[in-house]
Amino acid sequence: LGGGGFYAAYSGLIPAGGHAAAPTSEDTAFADIAFLPLDPLIISLGA
């Protein structure tokens, strides 16, 4: 059963198995993210 489970995951019979799906152009998980840089701060640390 362990060998069969490994084979099923490795060969792609189980979708969430061993190989991660490559990101496609339809993948919009990161399309709606923007990075806003903040101005550098120089802070004196006290007396």
PDB file of all heavy atoms in Angstrom:
ATOM      1  N   LEU A   1       0.821  -1.205   0.000  1.00  0.00           N
ATOM      2  CA  LEU A   1       0.000   0.000   0.000  1.00  0.00           C
ATOM      3  C   LEU A   1       0.862   1.265   0.000  1.00  0.00           C
ATOM      4  O   LEU A   1       0.525   2.247  -0.669  1.00  0.00           O
ATOM      5  CB  LEU A   1      -0.950   0.007   1.195  1.00  0.00           C
ATOM      6  CG  LEU A   1      -2.084  -1.011   1.125  1.00  0.00           C
ATOM      7  CD1 LEU A   1      -2.867  -1.024   2.426  1.00  0.00           C
ATOM      8  CD2 LEU A   1      -2.991  -0.726  -0.048  1.00  0.00           C
ATOM      9  N   GLY A   2       1.968   1.248   0.716  1.00  0.00           N
ATOM     10  CA  GLY A   2       2.871   2.395   0.705  1.00  0.00           C
ATOM     11  C   GLY A   2       3.473   2.614  -0.671  1.00  0.00           C
ATOM     12  O   GLY A   2       3.559   3.738  -1.161  1.00  0.00           O
ATOM     13  N   GLY A   3       3.893   1.529  -1.318  1.00  0.00           N
ATOM     14  CA  GLY A   3       4.441   1.633  -2.667  1.00  0.00           C
ATOM     15  C   GLY A   3       3.392   2.094  -3.664  1.00  0.00           C
ATOM     16  O   GLY A   3       3.678   2.923  -4.542  1.00  0.00           O
ATOM     17  N   GLY A   4       2.190   1.600  -3.533  1.00  0.00           N
ATOM     18  CA  GLY A   4       1.110   2.021  -4.425  1.00  0.00           C
ATOM     19  C   GLY A   4       0.757   3.489  -4.233  1.00  0.00           C
ATOM     20  O   GLY A   4       0.517   4.218  -5.193  1.00  0.00           O
ATOM     21  N   GLY A   5       0.729   3.949  -2.989  1.00  0.00           N
ATOM     22  CA  GLY A   5       0.459   5.357  -2.714  1.00  0.00           C
ATOM     23  C   GLY A   5       1.549   6.266  -3.265  1.00  0.00           C
ATOM     24  O   GLY A   5       1.279   7.319  -3.828  1.00  0.00           O
ATOM     25  N   PHE A   6       2.806   5.833  -3.112  1.00  0.00           N
ATOM     26  CA  PHE A   6       3.909   6.613  -3.661  1.00  0.00           C
ATOM     27  C   PHE A   6       3.807   6.694  -5.180  1.00  0.00           C
ATOM     28  O   PHE A   6       3.965   7.764  -5.765  1.00  0.00           O
ATOM     29  CB  PHE A   6       5.256   5.999  -3.259  1.00  0.00           C
ATOM     30  CG  PHE A   6       6.421   6.641  -3.946  1.00  0.00           C
ATOM     31  CD1 PHE A   6       6.889   7.873  -3.530  1.00  0.00           C
ATOM     32  CD2 PHE A   6       7.034   6.030  -5.026  1.00  0.00           C
ATOM     33  CE1 PHE A   6       7.955   8.479  -4.158  1.00  0.00           C
ATOM     34  CE2 PHE A   6       8.097   6.629  -5.674  1.00  0.00           C
ATOM     35  CZ  PHE A   6       8.564   7.862  -5.240  1.00  0.00           C
ATOM     36  N   TYR A   7       3.525   5.574  -5.821  1.00  0.00           N
ATOM     37  CA  TYR A   7       3.423   5.567  -7.279  1.00  0.00           C
ATOM     38  C   TYR A   7       2.278   6.474  -7.746  1.00  0.00           C
ATOM     39  O   TYR A   7       2.426   7.228  -8.702  1.00  0.00           O
ATOM     40  CB  TYR A   7       3.217   4.146  -7.807  1.00  0.00           C
ATOM     41  CG  TYR A   7       2.986   4.118  -9.303  1.00  0.00           C
ATOM     42  CD1 TYR A   7       4.041   4.334 -10.179  1.00  0.00           C
ATOM     43  CD2 TYR A   7       1.711   3.946  -9.836  1.00  0.00           C
ATOM     44  CE1 TYR A   7       3.844   4.346 -11.541  1.00  0.00           C
ATOM     45  CE2 TYR A   7       1.502   3.961 -11.198  1.00  0.00           C
ATOM     46  CZ  TYR A   7       2.566   4.150 -12.050  1.00  0.00           C
ATOM     47  OH  TYR A   7       2.365   4.182 -13.399  1.00  0.00           O
ATOM     48  N   ALA A   8       1.143   6.399  -7.059  1.00  0.00           N
ATOM     49  CA  ALA A   8      -0.002   7.218  -7.449  1.00  0.00           C
ATOM     50  C   ALA A   8       0.313   8.712  -7.298  1.00  0.00           C
ATOM     51  O   ALA A   8      -0.038   9.516  -8.162  1.00  0.00           O
ATOM     52  CB  ALA A   8      -1.223   6.843  -6.608  1.00  0.00           C
ATOM     53  N   ALA A   9       1.007   9.075  -6.234  1.00  0.00           N
ATOM     54  CA  ALA A   9       1.349  10.482  -6.038  1.00  0.00           C
ATOM     55  C   ALA A   9       2.430  10.929  -7.014  1.00  0.00           C
ATOM     56  O   ALA A   9       2.375  12.020  -7.570  1.00  0.00           O
ATOM     57  CB  ALA A   9       1.815  10.716  -4.597  1.00  0.00           C
ATOM     58  N   TYR A  10       3.409  10.092  -7.252  1.00  0.00           N
ATOM     59  CA  TYR A  10       4.535  10.447  -8.114  1.00  0.00           C
ATOM     60  C   TYR A  10       4.119  10.538  -9.585  1.00  0.00           C
ATOM     61  O   TYR A  10       4.582  11.400 -10.312  1.00  0.00           O
ATOM     62  CB  TYR A  10       5.645   9.418  -7.941  1.00  0.00           C
ATOM     63  CG  TYR A  10       6.918   9.772  -8.672  1.00  0.00           C
ATOM     64  CD1 TYR A  10       7.748  10.768  -8.185  1.00  0.00           C
ATOM     65  CD2 TYR A  10       7.272   9.126  -9.841  1.00  0.00           C
ATOM     66  CE1 TYR A  10       8.910  11.111  -8.843  1.00  0.00           C
ATOM     67  CE2 TYR A  10       8.430   9.455 -10.517  1.00  0.00           C
ATOM     68  CZ  TYR A  10       9.253  10.445 -10.012  1.00  0.00           C
ATOM     69  OH  TYR A  10      10.403  10.782 -10.669  1.00  0.00           O
ATOM     70  N   SER A  11       3.233   9.654 -10.004  1.00  0.00           N
ATOM     71  CA  SER A  11       2.833   9.641 -11.415  1.00  0.00           C
ATOM     72  C   SER A  11       1.759  10.680 -11.744  1.00  0.00           C
ATOM     73  O   SER A  11       1.459  10.904 -12.899  1.00  0.00           O
ATOM     74  CB  SER A  11       2.333   8.250 -11.798  1.00  0.00           C
ATOM     75  OG  SER A  11       1.133   7.957 -11.097  1.00  0.00           O
ATOM     76  N   GLY A  12       1.193  11.308 -10.736  1.00  0.00           N
ATOM     77  CA  GLY A  12       0.199  12.342 -10.985  1.00  0.00           C
ATOM     78  C   GLY A  12      -1.232  11.843 -10.931  1.00  0.00           C
ATOM     79  O   GLY A  12      -2.143  12.588 -11.270  1.00  0.00           O
ATOM     80  N   LEU A  13      -1.438  10.615 -10.526  1.00  0.00           N
ATOM     81  CA  LEU A  13      -2.808  10.110 -10.397  1.00  0.00           C
ATOM     82  C   LEU A  13      -3.558  10.838  -9.285  1.00  0.00           C
ATOM     83  O   LEU A  13      -4.768  10.990  -9.347  1.00  0.00           O
ATOM     84  CB  LEU A  13      -2.799   8.610 -10.128  1.00  0.00           C
ATOM     85  CG  LEU A  13      -2.259   7.733 -11.274  1.00  0.00           C
ATOM     86  CD1 LEU A  13      -2.178   6.285 -10.829  1.00  0.00           C
ATOM     87  CD2 LEU A  13      -3.136   7.865 -12.503  1.00  0.00           C
ATOM     88  N   ILE A  14      -2.826  11.290  -8.277  1.00  0.00           N
ATOM     89  CA  ILE A  14      -3.407  12.096  -7.208  1.00  0.00           C
ATOM     90  C   ILE A  14      -3.013  13.544  -7.500  1.00  0.00           C
ATOM     91  O   ILE A  14      -1.828  13.863  -7.548  1.00  0.00           O
ATOM     92  CB  ILE A  14      -2.884  11.647  -5.827  1.00  0.00           C
ATOM     93  CG1 ILE A  14      -3.277  10.199  -5.572  1.00  0.00           C
ATOM     94  CG2 ILE A  14      -3.421  12.561  -4.734  1.00  0.00           C
ATOM     95  CD1 ILE A  14      -2.697   9.631  -4.293  1.00  0.00           C
ATOM     96  N   PRO A  15      -3.959  14.467  -7.698  1.00  0.00           N
ATOM     97  CA  PRO A  15      -3.632  15.828  -8.131  1.00  0.00           C
ATOM     98  C   PRO A  15      -2.697  16.581  -7.191  1.00  0.00           C
ATOM     99  O   PRO A  15      -1.861  17.342  -7.623  1.00  0.00           O
ATOM    100  CB  PRO A  15      -4.978  16.525  -8.218  1.00  0.00           C
ATOM    101  CG  PRO A  15      -5.989  15.456  -8.250  1.00  0.00           C
ATOM    102  CD  PRO A  15      -5.387  14.249  -7.615  1.00  0.00           C
ATOM    103  N   ALA A  16      -2.818  16.399  -5.888  1.00  0.00           N
ATOM    104  CA  ALA A  16      -1.984  17.130  -4.949  1.00  0.00           C
ATOM    105  C   ALA A  16      -0.718  16.357  -4.632  1.00  0.00           C
ATOM    106  O   ALA A  16      -0.087  16.590  -3.628  1.00  0.00           O
ATOM    107  CB  ALA A  16      -2.756  17.415  -3.678  1.00  0.00           C
ATOM    108  N   GLY A  17      -0.347  15.463  -5.492  1.00  0.00           N
ATOM    109  CA  GLY A  17       0.781  14.579  -5.248  1.00  0.00           C
ATOM    110  C   GLY A  17       2.120  15.235  -5.408  1.00  0.00           C
ATOM    111  O   GLY A  17       2.295  16.430  -5.229  1.00  0.00           O
ATOM    112  N   GLY A  18       3.100  14.441  -5.797  1.00  0.00           N
ATOM    113  CA  GLY A  18       4.502  14.808  -5.783  1.00  0.00           C
ATOM    114  C   GLY A  18       4.888  15.994  -6.641  1.00  0.00           C
ATOM    115  O   GLY A  18       5.828  16.684  -6.324  1.00  0.00           O
ATOM    116  N   HIS A  19       4.243  16.271  -7.733  1.00  0.00           N
ATOM    117  CA  HIS A  19       4.654  17.361  -8.611  1.00  0.00           C
ATOM    118  C   HIS A  19       3.755  18.565  -8.400  1.00  0.00           C
ATOM    119  O   HIS A  19       2.541  18.472  -8.458  1.00  0.00           O
ATOM    120  CB  HIS A  19       4.567  16.942 -10.087  1.00  0.00           C
ATOM    121  CG  HIS A  19       5.429  15.756 -10.409  1.00  0.00           C
ATOM    122  ND1 HIS A  19       6.728  15.672 -10.029  1.00  0.00           N
ATOM    123  CD2 HIS A  19       5.158  14.611 -11.074  1.00  0.00           C
ATOM    124  CE1 HIS A  19       7.238  14.523 -10.459  1.00  0.00           C
ATOM    125  NE2 HIS A  19       6.305  13.862 -11.082  1.00  0.00           N
ATOM    126  N   ALA A  20       4.368  19.708  -8.164  1.00  0.00           N
ATOM    127  CA  ALA A  20       3.601  20.947  -8.019  1.00  0.00           C
ATOM    128  C   ALA A  20       3.261  21.471  -9.407  1.00  0.00           C
ATOM    129  O   ALA A  20       4.056  21.398 -10.330  1.00  0.00           O
ATOM    130  CB  ALA A  20       4.406  21.989  -7.254  1.00  0.00           C
ATOM    131  N   ALA A  21       2.078  21.987  -9.521  1.00  0.00           N
ATOM    132  CA  ALA A  21       1.657  22.525 -10.816  1.00  0.00           C
ATOM    133  C   ALA A  21       2.414  23.816 -11.084  1.00  0.00           C
ATOM    134  O   ALA A  21       2.570  24.662 -10.213  1.00  0.00           O
ATOM    135  CB  ALA A  21       0.156  22.790 -10.804  1.00  0.00           C
ATOM    136  N   ALA A  22       2.878  23.966 -12.290  1.00  0.00           N
ATOM    137  CA  ALA A  22       3.600  25.181 -12.673  1.00  0.00           C
ATOM    138  C   ALA A  22       2.608  26.327 -12.802  1.00  0.00           C
ATOM    139  O   ALA A  22       1.487  26.145 -13.266  1.00  0.00           O
ATOM    140  CB  ALA A  22       4.318  24.963 -14.000  1.00  0.00           C
ATOM    141  N   PRO A  23       2.997  27.528 -12.360  1.00  0.00           N
ATOM    142  CA  PRO A  23       2.078  28.650 -12.483  1.00  0.00           C
ATOM    143  C   PRO A  23       1.806  28.973 -13.941  1.00  0.00           C
ATOM    144  O   PRO A  23       2.692  28.934 -14.785  1.00  0.00           O
ATOM    145  CB  PRO A  23       2.809  29.803 -11.807  1.00  0.00           C
ATOM    146  CG  PRO A  23       4.141  29.313 -11.411  1.00  0.00           C
ATOM    147  CD  PRO A  23       4.226  27.870 -11.721  1.00  0.00           C
ATOM    148  N   THR A  24       0.575  29.260 -14.223  1.00  0.00           N
ATOM    149  CA  THR A  24       0.169  29.571 -15.588  1.00  0.00           C
ATOM    150  C   THR A  24      -0.195  31.046 -15.690  1.00  0.00           C
ATOM    151  O   THR A  24      -0.268  31.757 -14.694  1.00  0.00           O
ATOM    152  CB  THR A  24      -1.041  28.715 -15.999  1.00  0.00           C
ATOM    153  OG1 THR A  24      -2.125  29.024 -15.121  1.00  0.00           O
ATOM    154  CG2 THR A  24      -0.723  27.235 -15.914  1.00  0.00           C
ATOM    155  N   SER A  25      -0.437  31.484 -16.901  1.00  0.00           N
ATOM    156  CA  SER A  25      -0.806  32.882 -17.097  1.00  0.00           C
ATOM    157  C   SER A  25      -2.193  33.172 -16.529  1.00  0.00           C
ATOM    158  O   SER A  25      -2.513  34.309 -16.231  1.00  0.00           O
ATOM    159  CB  SER A  25      -0.765  33.239 -18.580  1.00  0.00           C
ATOM    160  OG  SER A  25      -1.687  32.438 -19.289  1.00  0.00           O
ATOM    161  N   GLU A  26      -3.021  32.126 -16.382  1.00  0.00           N
ATOM    162  CA  GLU A  26      -4.346  32.325 -15.815  1.00  0.00           C
ATOM    163  C   GLU A  26      -4.298  32.475 -14.301  1.00  0.00           C
ATOM    164  O   GLU A  26      -5.273  32.857 -13.678  1.00  0.00           O
ATOM    165  CB  GLU A  26      -5.282  31.161 -16.161  1.00  0.00           C
ATOM    166  CG  GLU A  26      -5.633  31.044 -17.623  1.00  0.00           C
ATOM    167  CD  GLU A  26      -4.677  30.118 -18.361  1.00  0.00           C
ATOM    168  OE1 GLU A  26      -3.904  29.404 -17.712  1.00  0.00           O
ATOM    169  OE2 GLU A  26      -4.708  30.110 -19.585  1.00  0.00           O
ATOM    170  N   ASP A  27      -3.149  32.118 -13.697  1.00  0.00           N
ATOM    171  CA  ASP A  27      -3.040  32.192 -12.254  1.00  0.00           C
ATOM    172  C   ASP A  27      -2.988  33.649 -11.837  1.00  0.00           C
ATOM    173  O   ASP A  27      -2.028  34.354 -12.105  1.00  0.00           O
ATOM    174  CB  ASP A  27      -1.786  31.453 -11.793  1.00  0.00           C
ATOM    175  CG  ASP A  27      -1.707  31.331 -10.290  1.00  0.00           C
ATOM    176  OD1 ASP A  27      -2.726  31.502  -9.614  1.00  0.00           O
ATOM    177  OD2 ASP A  27      -0.609  31.051  -9.794  1.00  0.00           O
ATOM    178  N   THR A  28      -4.015  34.113 -11.171  1.00  0.00           N
ATOM    179  CA  THR A  28      -4.105  35.518 -10.795  1.00  0.00           C
ATOM    180  C   THR A  28      -3.869  35.718  -9.305  1.00  0.00           C
ATOM    181  O   THR A  28      -4.236  36.759  -8.764  1.00  0.00           O
ATOM    182  CB  THR A  28      -5.486  36.072 -11.175  1.00  0.00           C
ATOM    183  OG1 THR A  28      -6.482  35.304 -10.483  1.00  0.00           O
ATOM    184  CG2 THR A  28      -5.696  36.042 -12.665  1.00  0.00           C
ATOM    185  N   ALA A  29      -3.268  34.735  -8.635  1.00  0.00           N
ATOM    186  CA  ALA A  29      -3.042  34.870  -7.200  1.00  0.00           C
ATOM    187  C   ALA A  29      -2.113  36.024  -6.880  1.00  0.00           C
ATOM    188  O   ALA A  29      -2.262  36.689  -5.868  1.00  0.00           O
ATOM    189  CB  ALA A  29      -2.478  33.572  -6.642  1.00  0.00           C
ATOM    190  N   PHE A  30      -1.154  36.302  -7.756  1.00  0.00           N
ATOM    191  CA  PHE A  30      -0.208  37.373  -7.499  1.00  0.00           C
ATOM    192  C   PHE A  30      -0.441  38.580  -8.391  1.00  0.00           C
ATOM    193  O   PHE A  30       0.302  39.553  -8.321  1.00  0.00           O
ATOM    194  CB  PHE A  30       1.217  36.861  -7.683  1.00  0.00           C
ATOM    195  CG  PHE A  30       1.560  35.762  -6.723  1.00  0.00           C
ATOM    196  CD1 PHE A  30       1.720  34.462  -7.160  1.00  0.00           C
ATOM    197  CD2 PHE A  30       1.713  36.027  -5.384  1.00  0.00           C
ATOM    198  CE1 PHE A  30       2.027  33.454  -6.273  1.00  0.00           C
ATOM    199  CE2 PHE A  30       2.029  35.029  -4.485  1.00  0.00           C
ATOM    200  CZ  PHE A  30       2.182  33.737  -4.939  1.00  0.00           C
ATOM    201  N   ALA A  31      -1.439  38.538  -9.212  1.00  0.00           N
ATOM    202  CA  ALA A  31      -1.688  39.634 -10.135  1.00  0.00           C
ATOM    203  C   ALA A  31      -2.225  40.875  -9.421  1.00  0.00           C
ATOM    204  O   ALA A  31      -2.011  41.984  -9.877  1.00  0.00           O
ATOM    205  CB  ALA A  31      -2.659  39.207 -11.221  1.00  0.00           C
ATOM    206  N   ASP A  32      -2.895  40.673  -8.299  1.00  0.00           N
ATOM    207  CA  ASP A  32      -3.497  41.819  -7.628  1.00  0.00           C
ATOM    208  C   ASP A  32      -2.646  42.336  -6.465  1.00  0.00           C
ATOM    209  O   ASP A  32      -3.139  43.024  -5.596  1.00  0.00           O
ATOM    210  CB  ASP A  32      -4.895  41.458  -7.140  1.00  0.00           C
ATOM    211  CG  ASP A  32      -4.890  40.318  -6.139  1.00  0.00           C
ATOM    212  OD1 ASP A  32      -3.875  39.607  -6.059  1.00  0.00           O
ATOM    213  OD2 ASP A  32      -5.899  40.161  -5.430  1.00  0.00           O
ATOM    214  N   ILE A  33      -1.352  42.025  -6.455  1.00  0.00           N
ATOM    215  CA  ILE A  33      -0.450  42.482  -5.398  1.00  0.00           C
ATOM    216  C   ILE A  33       0.453  43.588  -5.938  1.00  0.00           C
ATOM    217  O   ILE A  33       0.962  43.497  -7.049  1.00  0.00           O
ATOM    218  CB  ILE A  33       0.422  41.315  -4.880  1.00  0.00           C
ATOM    219  CG1 ILE A  33      -0.452  40.289  -4.168  1.00  0.00           C
ATOM    220  CG2 ILE A  33       1.490  41.824  -3.932  1.00  0.00           C
ATOM    221  CD1 ILE A  33       0.315  39.086  -3.705  1.00  0.00           C
ATOM    222  N   ALA A  34       0.626  44.603  -5.135  1.00  0.00           N
ATOM    223  CA  ALA A  34       1.564  45.675  -5.460  1.00  0.00           C
ATOM    224  C   ALA A  34       2.428  45.932  -4.234  1.00  0.00           C
ATOM    225  O   ALA A  34       2.011  45.683  -3.102  1.00  0.00           O
ATOM    226  CB  ALA A  34       0.810  46.942  -5.849  1.00  0.00           C
ATOM    227  N   PHE A  35       3.638  46.388  -4.474  1.00  0.00           N
ATOM    228  CA  PHE A  35       4.552  46.704  -3.388  1.00  0.00           C
ATOM    229  C   PHE A  35       4.792  48.209  -3.371  1.00  0.00           C
ATOM    230  O   PHE A  35       5.165  48.795  -4.379  1.00  0.00           O
ATOM    231  CB  PHE A  35       5.871  45.946  -3.552  1.00  0.00           C
ATOM    232  CG  PHE A  35       5.691  44.463  -3.412  1.00  0.00           C
ATOM    233  CD1 PHE A  35       5.574  43.669  -4.534  1.00  0.00           C
ATOM    234  CD2 PHE A  35       5.624  43.876  -2.167  1.00  0.00           C
ATOM    235  CE1 PHE A  35       5.396  42.309  -4.420  1.00  0.00           C
ATOM    236  CE2 PHE A  35       5.444  42.520  -2.042  1.00  0.00           C
ATOM    237  CZ  PHE A  35       5.331  41.726  -3.160  1.00  0.00           C
ATOM    238  N   LEU A  36       4.569  48.795  -2.224  1.00  0.00           N
ATOM    239  CA  LEU A  36       4.707  50.225  -2.051  1.00  0.00           C
ATOM    240  C   LEU A  36       5.932  50.488  -1.174  1.00  0.00           C
ATOM    241  O   LEU A  36       5.916  50.208   0.024  1.00  0.00           O
ATOM    242  CB  LEU A  36       3.449  50.789  -1.392  1.00  0.00           C
ATOM    243  CG  LEU A  36       3.388  52.275  -1.179  1.00  0.00           C
ATOM    244  CD1 LEU A  36       3.334  52.993  -2.523  1.00  0.00           C
ATOM    245  CD2 LEU A  36       2.186  52.635  -0.340  1.00  0.00           C
ATOM    246  N   PRO A  37       7.013  51.015  -1.766  1.00  0.00           N
ATOM    247  CA  PRO A  37       8.211  51.270  -0.956  1.00  0.00           C
ATOM    248  C   PRO A  37       8.003  52.459  -0.026  1.00  0.00           C
ATOM    249  O   PRO A  37       7.385  53.452  -0.396  1.00  0.00           O
ATOM    250  CB  PRO A  37       9.300  51.548  -1.996  1.00  0.00           C
ATOM    251  CG  PRO A  37       8.571  51.974  -3.212  1.00  0.00           C
ATOM    252  CD  PRO A  37       7.215  51.326  -3.176  1.00  0.00           C
ATOM    253  N   LEU A  38       8.513  52.302   1.187  1.00  0.00           N
ATOM    254  CA  LEU A  38       8.474  53.395   2.154  1.00  0.00           C
ATOM    255  C   LEU A  38       9.828  54.083   2.152  1.00  0.00           C
ATOM    256  O   LEU A  38      10.854  53.462   1.899  1.00  0.00           O
ATOM    257  CB  LEU A  38       8.174  52.849   3.555  1.00  0.00           C
ATOM    258  CG  LEU A  38       6.816  52.181   3.736  1.00  0.00           C
ATOM    259  CD1 LEU A  38       6.708  51.600   5.137  1.00  0.00           C
ATOM    260  CD2 LEU A  38       5.691  53.169   3.485  1.00  0.00           C
ATOM    261  N   ASP A  39       9.821  55.358   2.449  1.00  0.00           N
ATOM    262  CA  ASP A  39      11.067  56.111   2.539  1.00  0.00           C
ATOM    263  C   ASP A  39      11.910  55.543   3.674  1.00  0.00           C
ATOM    264  O   ASP A  39      11.371  55.192   4.740  1.00  0.00           O
ATOM    265  CB  ASP A  39      10.780  57.585   2.797  1.00  0.00           C
ATOM    266  CG  ASP A  39       9.967  58.213   1.679  1.00  0.00           C
ATOM    267  OD1 ASP A  39      10.057  57.724   0.533  1.00  0.00           O
ATOM    268  OD2 ASP A  39       9.228  59.183   1.958  1.00  0.00           O
ATOM    269  N   PRO A  40      13.227  55.455   3.500  1.00  0.00           N
ATOM    270  CA  PRO A  40      14.085  54.957   4.589  1.00  0.00           C
ATOM    271  C   PRO A  40      14.019  55.885   5.800  1.00  0.00           C
ATOM    272  O   PRO A  40      13.926  57.106   5.671  1.00  0.00           O
ATOM    273  CB  PRO A  40      15.488  54.968   3.982  1.00  0.00           C
ATOM    274  CG  PRO A  40      15.294  55.032   2.519  1.00  0.00           C
ATOM    275  CD  PRO A  40      13.986  55.711   2.279  1.00  0.00           C
ATOM    276  N   LEU A  41      14.050  55.277   6.974  1.00  0.00           N
ATOM    277  CA  LEU A  41      14.029  56.021   8.226  1.00  0.00           C
ATOM    278  C   LEU A  41      15.374  55.859   8.916  1.00  0.00           C
ATOM    279  O   LEU A  41      15.941  54.764   8.932  1.00  0.00           O
ATOM    280  CB  LEU A  41      12.938  55.485   9.153  1.00  0.00           C
ATOM    281  CG  LEU A  41      11.497  55.574   8.684  1.00  0.00           C
ATOM    282  CD1 LEU A  41      10.589  54.835   9.662  1.00  0.00           C
ATOM    283  CD2 LEU A  41      11.070  57.014   8.578  1.00  0.00           C
ATOM    284  N   ILE A  42      15.880  56.925   9.494  1.00  0.00           N
ATOM    285  CA  ILE A  42      17.071  56.860  10.339  1.00  0.00           C
ATOM    286  C   ILE A  42      16.627  57.339  11.711  1.00  0.00           C
ATOM    287  O   ILE A  42      16.203  58.493  11.876  1.00  0.00           O
ATOM    288  CB  ILE A  42      18.215  57.719   9.774  1.00  0.00           C
ATOM    289  CG1 ILE A  42      18.615  57.168   8.411  1.00  0.00           C
ATOM    290  CG2 ILE A  42      19.390  57.716  10.742  1.00  0.00           C
ATOM    291  CD1 ILE A  42      19.679  57.968   7.715  1.00  0.00           C
ATOM    292  N   ILE A  43      16.696  56.445  12.677  1.00  0.00           N
ATOM    293  CA  ILE A  43      16.148  56.709  13.999  1.00  0.00           C
ATOM    294  C   ILE A  43      17.279  56.709  15.014  1.00  0.00           C
ATOM    295  O   ILE A  43      18.062  55.748  15.069  1.00  0.00           O
ATOM    296  CB  ILE A  43      15.101  55.641  14.373  1.00  0.00           C
ATOM    297  CG1 ILE A  43      13.922  55.735  13.406  1.00  0.00           C
ATOM    298  CG2 ILE A  43      14.610  55.808  15.788  1.00  0.00           C
ATOM    299  CD1 ILE A  43      13.675  54.485  12.677  1.00  0.00           C
ATOM    300  N   SER A  44      17.385  57.761  15.836  1.00  0.00           N
ATOM    301  CA  SER A  44      18.337  57.745  16.943  1.00  0.00           C
ATOM    302  C   SER A  44      17.731  56.879  18.043  1.00  0.00           C
ATOM    303  O   SER A  44      16.532  56.937  18.314  1.00  0.00           O
ATOM    304  CB  SER A  44      18.611  59.164  17.436  1.00  0.00           C
ATOM    305  OG  SER A  44      17.444  59.725  17.964  1.00  0.00           O
ATOM    306  N   LEU A  45      18.575  56.081  18.663  1.00  0.00           N
ATOM    307  CA  LEU A  45      18.061  55.078  19.587  1.00  0.00           C
ATOM    308  C   LEU A  45      17.955  55.552  21.027  1.00  0.00           C
ATOM    309  O   LEU A  45      17.745  54.752  21.913  1.00  0.00           O
ATOM    310  CB  LEU A  45      18.931  53.818  19.499  1.00  0.00           C
ATOM    311  CG  LEU A  45      18.867  53.125  18.140  1.00  0.00           C
ATOM    312  CD1 LEU A  45      19.825  51.968  18.097  1.00  0.00           C
ATOM    313  CD2 LEU A  45      17.458  52.673  17.824  1.00  0.00           C
ATOM    314  N   GLY A  46      18.100  56.795  21.288  1.00  0.00           N
ATOM    315  CA  GLY A  46      17.894  57.319  22.627  1.00  0.00           C
ATOM    316  C   GLY A  46      19.191  57.692  23.319  1.00  0.00           C
ATOM    317  O   GLY A  46      20.292  57.437  22.833  1.00  0.00           O
ATOM    318  N   ALA A  47      19.054  58.280  24.497  1.00  0.00           N
ATOM    319  CA  ALA A  47      20.213  58.799  25.233  1.00  0.00           C
ATOM    320  C   ALA A  47      21.111  57.676  25.744  1.00  0.00           C
ATOM    321  O   ALA A  47      22.323  57.810  25.745  1.00  0.00           O
ATOM    322  CB  ALA A  47      19.729  59.655  26.396  1.00  0.00           C
TER     323      ALA A  47
END
